[in-house]
């Protein structure tokens, strides 16, 4: 069928078919990795929220206080939800990381953000809002911050530039600087 097509045009068609196949395989691998990560040692979302609230209360009892006003954390949780609802992009994922870095300066901030986020119903990509999954914040971030690319962050004195295989790694690197693990 393609024998009658100009050789240059045929080469372009083969190139496009090859690119489409590579993108298709990449998407399938990405979805399989996300599925495995979602189901690997997953805790009950409400249990994570309860543990976070207990952690926050213990830190308050030890004399620690939040770095920002409570309303800032609420705004960030709502922003995270809207950016990760449905199909996120690498840009929206980086925006989520930047929002988190803006409010998280110490462990008490992270405990409060997790408890403030609570458990939310988030639509999966391609489900058009029909298929929703219950997420606590750490699980949502681990599942959804999976794009790769070049990034540059300069927020409140934290500067980082480079290549991330998954966007969650940018957040992990920042958290290491303030003794938080995710």
C-alpha atoms as a PDB file:
ATOM      1  CA  UNK A   1       0.000   0.000   0.000  1.00  0.00           C
ATOM      2  CA  UNK A   2       2.785   2.467   0.848  1.00  0.00           C
ATOM      3  CA  UNK A   3       4.884   1.335  -2.145  1.00  0.00           C
ATOM      4  CA  UNK A   4       3.069   3.842  -4.355  1.00  0.00           C
ATOM      5  CA  UNK A   5       3.848   6.741  -1.993  1.00  0.00           C
ATOM      6  CA  UNK A   6       6.835   9.018  -2.594  1.00  0.00           C
ATOM      7  CA  UNK A   7       9.879   7.615  -0.667  1.00  0.00           C
ATOM      8  CA  UNK A   8      10.326  10.828   1.337  1.00  0.00           C
ATOM      9  CA  UNK A   9       6.662  10.843   2.348  1.00  0.00           C
ATOM     10  CA  UNK A  10       6.884   7.143   3.177  1.00  0.00           C
ATOM     11  CA  UNK A  11       9.854   7.853   5.489  1.00  0.00           C
ATOM     12  CA  UNK A  12       7.864  10.543   7.280  1.00  0.00           C
ATOM     13  CA  UNK A  13       4.914   8.164   7.693  1.00  0.00           C
ATOM     14  CA  UNK A  14       7.186   5.452   9.132  1.00  0.00           C
ATOM     15  CA  UNK A  15       8.742   8.003  11.473  1.00  0.00           C
ATOM     16  CA  UNK A  16       5.309   9.126  12.705  1.00  0.00           C
ATOM     17  CA  UNK A  17       4.219   5.518  13.234  1.00  0.00           C
ATOM     18  CA  UNK A  18       7.420   4.830  15.207  1.00  0.00           C
ATOM     19  CA  UNK A  19       6.923   7.931  17.375  1.00  0.00           C
ATOM     20  CA  UNK A  20       3.297   6.979  18.035  1.00  0.00           C
ATOM     21  CA  UNK A  21       4.378   3.471  19.059  1.00  0.00           C
ATOM     22  CA  UNK A  22       7.045   4.832  21.419  1.00  0.00           C
ATOM     23  CA  UNK A  23       4.574   7.245  23.019  1.00  0.00           C
ATOM     24  CA  UNK A  24       2.036   4.431  23.376  1.00  0.00           C
ATOM     25  CA  UNK A  25       4.538   2.138  25.088  1.00  0.00           C
ATOM     26  CA  UNK A  26       5.697   4.999  27.344  1.00  0.00           C
ATOM     27  CA  UNK A  27       2.098   5.709  28.401  1.00  0.00           C
ATOM     28  CA  UNK A  28       1.416   2.035  29.153  1.00  0.00           C
ATOM     29  CA  UNK A  29       4.625   1.716  31.225  1.00  0.00           C
ATOM     30  CA  UNK A  30       3.755   4.919  33.113  1.00  0.00           C
ATOM     31  CA  UNK A  31       0.279   3.589  33.955  1.00  0.00           C
ATOM     32  CA  UNK A  32       1.623   0.213  35.084  1.00  0.00           C
ATOM     33  CA  UNK A  33       4.190   1.907  37.355  1.00  0.00           C
ATOM     34  CA  UNK A  34       1.473   4.129  38.837  1.00  0.00           C
ATOM     35  CA  UNK A  35      -0.754   1.101  39.474  1.00  0.00           C
ATOM     36  CA  UNK A  36       2.063  -0.792  41.194  1.00  0.00           C
ATOM     37  CA  UNK A  37       2.985   2.241  43.300  1.00  0.00           C
ATOM     38  CA  UNK A  38      -0.660   2.786  44.292  1.00  0.00           C
ATOM     39  CA  UNK A  39      -1.103  -0.734  45.532  1.00  0.00           C
ATOM     40  CA  UNK A  40       2.274  -1.179  47.229  1.00  0.00           C
ATOM     41  CA  UNK A  41       1.883  -1.032  51.022  1.00  0.00           C
ATOM     42  CA  UNK A  42      -1.026   1.369  50.799  1.00  0.00           C
ATOM     43  CA  UNK A  43      -2.536   2.573  54.060  1.00  0.00           C
ATOM     44  CA  UNK A  44      -6.138   3.469  54.668  1.00  0.00           C
ATOM     45  CA  UNK A  45      -6.419   7.196  53.753  1.00  0.00           C
ATOM     46  CA  UNK A  46      -8.363   8.057  56.914  1.00  0.00           C
ATOM     47  CA  UNK A  47      -5.719   6.336  59.016  1.00  0.00           C
ATOM     48  CA  UNK A  48      -3.022   8.525  57.419  1.00  0.00           C
ATOM     49  CA  UNK A  49      -5.051  11.649  58.222  1.00  0.00           C
ATOM     50  CA  UNK A  50      -5.606  10.544  61.830  1.00  0.00           C
ATOM     51  CA  UNK A  51      -1.881   9.805  62.250  1.00  0.00           C
ATOM     52  CA  UNK A  52      -1.048  13.227  60.783  1.00  0.00           C
ATOM     53  CA  UNK A  53      -3.407  14.975  63.172  1.00  0.00           C
ATOM     54  CA  UNK A  54      -1.873  13.087  66.112  1.00  0.00           C
ATOM     55  CA  UNK A  55       1.600  14.063  64.898  1.00  0.00           C
ATOM     56  CA  UNK A  56       0.525  17.712  64.554  1.00  0.00           C
ATOM     57  CA  UNK A  57      -1.011  17.772  68.064  1.00  0.00           C
ATOM     58  CA  UNK A  58       2.161  16.243  69.542  1.00  0.00           C
ATOM     59  CA  UNK A  59       4.309  18.895  67.850  1.00  0.00           C
ATOM     60  CA  UNK A  60       2.019  21.681  69.104  1.00  0.00           C
ATOM     61  CA  UNK A  61       2.204  20.202  72.626  1.00  0.00           C
ATOM     62  CA  UNK A  62       6.006  20.346  72.388  1.00  0.00           C
ATOM     63  CA  UNK A  63       5.797  24.099  71.760  1.00  0.00           C
ATOM     64  CA  UNK A  64       6.114  24.228  67.973  1.00  0.00           C
ATOM     65  CA  UNK A  65       3.941  26.459  65.793  1.00  0.00           C
ATOM     66  CA  UNK A  66       3.043  26.688  62.126  1.00  0.00           C
ATOM     67  CA  UNK A  67       5.177  28.754  59.768  1.00  0.00           C
ATOM     68  CA  UNK A  68       2.182  30.290  57.973  1.00  0.00           C
ATOM     69  CA  UNK A  69      -1.422  31.239  58.815  1.00  0.00           C
ATOM     70  CA  UNK A  70      -3.921  28.341  58.765  1.00  0.00           C
ATOM     71  CA  UNK A  71      -5.661  29.835  55.721  1.00  0.00           C
ATOM     72  CA  UNK A  72      -2.493  29.384  53.627  1.00  0.00           C
ATOM     73  CA  UNK A  73      -2.552  25.611  54.195  1.00  0.00           C
ATOM     74  CA  UNK A  74      -6.245  25.407  53.296  1.00  0.00           C
ATOM     75  CA  UNK A  75      -5.592  27.357  50.088  1.00  0.00           C
ATOM     76  CA  UNK A  76      -2.708  25.034  49.161  1.00  0.00           C
ATOM     77  CA  UNK A  77      -4.798  21.886  49.759  1.00  0.00           C
ATOM     78  CA  UNK A  78      -7.539  23.234  47.486  1.00  0.00           C
ATOM     79  CA  UNK A  79      -4.967  24.175  44.839  1.00  0.00           C
ATOM     80  CA  UNK A  80      -3.413  20.702  44.981  1.00  0.00           C
ATOM     81  CA  UNK A  81      -6.818  19.096  44.537  1.00  0.00           C
ATOM     82  CA  UNK A  82      -7.731  21.253  41.545  1.00  0.00           C
ATOM     83  CA  UNK A  83      -4.338  20.799  39.853  1.00  0.00           C
ATOM     84  CA  UNK A  84      -4.295  17.003  40.243  1.00  0.00           C
ATOM     85  CA  UNK A  85      -7.973  16.394  39.443  1.00  0.00           C
ATOM     86  CA  UNK A  86      -8.217  14.354  36.223  1.00  0.00           C
ATOM     87  CA  UNK A  87      -5.268  14.511  33.840  1.00  0.00           C
ATOM     88  CA  UNK A  88      -2.421  16.556  35.231  1.00  0.00           C
ATOM     89  CA  UNK A  89       0.486  17.913  33.207  1.00  0.00           C
ATOM     90  CA  UNK A  90       4.131  18.249  34.132  1.00  0.00           C
ATOM     91  CA  UNK A  91       3.445  21.971  34.558  1.00  0.00           C
ATOM     92  CA  UNK A  92       0.572  21.408  36.970  1.00  0.00           C
ATOM     93  CA  UNK A  93       2.664  18.878  38.898  1.00  0.00           C
ATOM     94  CA  UNK A  94       5.503  21.387  39.231  1.00  0.00           C
ATOM     95  CA  UNK A  95       2.947  23.982  40.379  1.00  0.00           C
ATOM     96  CA  UNK A  96       1.837  21.551  43.115  1.00  0.00           C
ATOM     97  CA  UNK A  97       5.459  21.126  44.261  1.00  0.00           C
ATOM     98  CA  UNK A  98       5.975  24.905  44.305  1.00  0.00           C
ATOM     99  CA  UNK A  99       2.792  25.433  46.347  1.00  0.00           C
ATOM    100  CA  UNK A 100       3.894  22.837  48.896  1.00  0.00           C
ATOM    101  CA  UNK A 101       7.390  24.319  49.181  1.00  0.00           C
ATOM    102  CA  UNK A 102       5.806  27.721  49.809  1.00  0.00           C
ATOM    103  CA  UNK A 103       4.050  26.544  53.008  1.00  0.00           C
ATOM    104  CA  UNK A 104       6.199  23.661  54.291  1.00  0.00           C
ATOM    105  CA  UNK A 105       9.187  24.934  56.248  1.00  0.00           C
ATOM    106  CA  UNK A 106       9.342  22.360  59.062  1.00  0.00           C
ATOM    107  CA  UNK A 107       7.773  19.014  60.041  1.00  0.00           C
ATOM    108  CA  UNK A 108       4.803  20.590  61.871  1.00  0.00           C
ATOM    109  CA  UNK A 109       3.777  22.308  58.619  1.00  0.00           C
ATOM    110  CA  UNK A 110       3.773  18.974  56.774  1.00  0.00           C
ATOM    111  CA  UNK A 111       1.750  17.261  59.520  1.00  0.00           C
ATOM    112  CA  UNK A 112      -0.803  20.084  59.433  1.00  0.00           C
ATOM    113  CA  UNK A 113      -1.024  20.140  55.616  1.00  0.00           C
ATOM    114  CA  UNK A 114      -1.680  16.374  55.550  1.00  0.00           C
ATOM    115  CA  UNK A 115      -4.401  16.663  58.193  1.00  0.00           C
ATOM    116  CA  UNK A 116      -5.918  19.745  56.506  1.00  0.00           C
ATOM    117  CA  UNK A 117      -6.044  17.936  53.149  1.00  0.00           C
ATOM    118  CA  UNK A 118      -7.929  15.083  54.776  1.00  0.00           C
ATOM    119  CA  UNK A 119      -9.322  12.451  52.430  1.00  0.00           C
ATOM    120  CA  UNK A 120     -10.451  13.710  49.040  1.00  0.00           C
ATOM    121  CA  UNK A 121     -12.024  12.090  46.032  1.00  0.00           C
ATOM    122  CA  UNK A 122      -9.833  12.658  42.962  1.00  0.00           C
ATOM    123  CA  UNK A 123     -10.762  11.666  39.397  1.00  0.00           C
ATOM    124  CA  UNK A 124      -8.338   9.500  37.497  1.00  0.00           C
ATOM    125  CA  UNK A 125      -7.029  10.663  34.142  1.00  0.00           C
ATOM    126  CA  UNK A 126      -9.388   9.761  31.324  1.00  0.00           C
ATOM    127  CA  UNK A 127     -12.308   8.895  33.612  1.00  0.00           C
ATOM    128  CA  UNK A 128     -14.136  12.193  32.957  1.00  0.00           C
ATOM    129  CA  UNK A 129     -15.055  12.423  36.637  1.00  0.00           C
ATOM    130  CA  UNK A 130     -16.790   9.029  36.644  1.00  0.00           C
ATOM    131  CA  UNK A 131     -14.034   7.074  38.382  1.00  0.00           C
ATOM    132  CA  UNK A 132     -12.839   8.725  41.586  1.00  0.00           C
ATOM    133  CA  UNK A 133     -10.418   7.397  44.143  1.00  0.00           C
ATOM    134  CA  UNK A 134     -10.054   8.334  47.809  1.00  0.00           C
ATOM    135  CA  UNK A 135      -6.670   9.880  48.534  1.00  0.00           C
ATOM    136  CA  UNK A 136      -4.772  11.201  51.516  1.00  0.00           C
ATOM    137  CA  UNK A 137      -2.151  13.806  50.576  1.00  0.00           C
ATOM    138  CA  UNK A 138       1.047  11.689  50.656  1.00  0.00           C
ATOM    139  CA  UNK A 139      -0.550   8.920  48.586  1.00  0.00           C
ATOM    140  CA  UNK A 140      -1.960  11.407  46.074  1.00  0.00           C
ATOM    141  CA  UNK A 141       1.438  13.018  45.627  1.00  0.00           C
ATOM    142  CA  UNK A 142       3.218   9.667  45.237  1.00  0.00           C
ATOM    143  CA  UNK A 143       0.650   8.512  42.664  1.00  0.00           C
ATOM    144  CA  UNK A 144       0.221  11.689  40.653  1.00  0.00           C
ATOM    145  CA  UNK A 145       3.607  13.456  40.655  1.00  0.00           C
ATOM    146  CA  UNK A 146       5.050  11.139  38.044  1.00  0.00           C
ATOM    147  CA  UNK A 147       6.026  13.348  35.081  1.00  0.00           C
ATOM    148  CA  UNK A 148       9.625  13.741  34.043  1.00  0.00           C
ATOM    149  CA  UNK A 149      11.352  16.833  32.792  1.00  0.00           C
ATOM    150  CA  UNK A 150      13.604  19.799  33.378  1.00  0.00           C
ATOM    151  CA  UNK A 151      12.688  22.080  36.247  1.00  0.00           C
ATOM    152  CA  UNK A 152      13.841  25.224  38.007  1.00  0.00           C
ATOM    153  CA  UNK A 153      12.581  26.288  41.431  1.00  0.00           C
ATOM    154  CA  UNK A 154      13.490  29.396  43.405  1.00  0.00           C
ATOM    155  CA  UNK A 155      11.121  29.805  46.361  1.00  0.00           C
ATOM    156  CA  UNK A 156      11.844  31.423  49.718  1.00  0.00           C
ATOM    157  CA  UNK A 157      15.577  30.839  49.466  1.00  0.00           C
ATOM    158  CA  UNK A 158      15.304  27.247  48.204  1.00  0.00           C
ATOM    159  CA  UNK A 159      16.867  26.994  44.739  1.00  0.00           C
ATOM    160  CA  UNK A 160      16.954  23.850  42.670  1.00  0.00           C
ATOM    161  CA  UNK A 161      17.368  23.234  38.958  1.00  0.00           C
ATOM    162  CA  UNK A 162      17.789  20.036  37.030  1.00  0.00           C
ATOM    163  CA  UNK A 163      16.144  16.994  35.543  1.00  0.00           C
ATOM    164  CA  UNK A 164      13.635  14.896  37.466  1.00  0.00           C
ATOM    165  CA  UNK A 165      12.627  11.402  36.410  1.00  0.00           C
ATOM    166  CA  UNK A 166       9.451  11.930  38.450  1.00  0.00           C
ATOM    167  CA  UNK A 167       8.169  15.228  39.856  1.00  0.00           C
ATOM    168  CA  UNK A 168       7.812  13.676  43.339  1.00  0.00           C
ATOM    169  CA  UNK A 169      11.627  13.499  43.487  1.00  0.00           C
ATOM    170  CA  UNK A 170      11.836  17.316  43.465  1.00  0.00           C
ATOM    171  CA  UNK A 171       9.616  17.381  46.557  1.00  0.00           C
ATOM    172  CA  UNK A 172      11.598  14.566  48.194  1.00  0.00           C
ATOM    173  CA  UNK A 173      14.837  16.504  47.674  1.00  0.00           C
ATOM    174  CA  UNK A 174      13.325  19.596  49.291  1.00  0.00           C
ATOM    175  CA  UNK A 175      11.882  17.580  52.183  1.00  0.00           C
ATOM    176  CA  UNK A 176      15.341  16.095  52.886  1.00  0.00           C
ATOM    177  CA  UNK A 177      16.596  19.617  53.629  1.00  0.00           C
ATOM    178  CA  UNK A 178      14.011  19.980  56.427  1.00  0.00           C
ATOM    179  CA  UNK A 179      14.055  16.383  57.751  1.00  0.00           C
ATOM    180  CA  UNK A 180      10.760  15.187  56.278  1.00  0.00           C
ATOM    181  CA  UNK A 181      10.235  11.926  54.416  1.00  0.00           C
ATOM    182  CA  UNK A 182       7.443  11.105  52.025  1.00  0.00           C
END
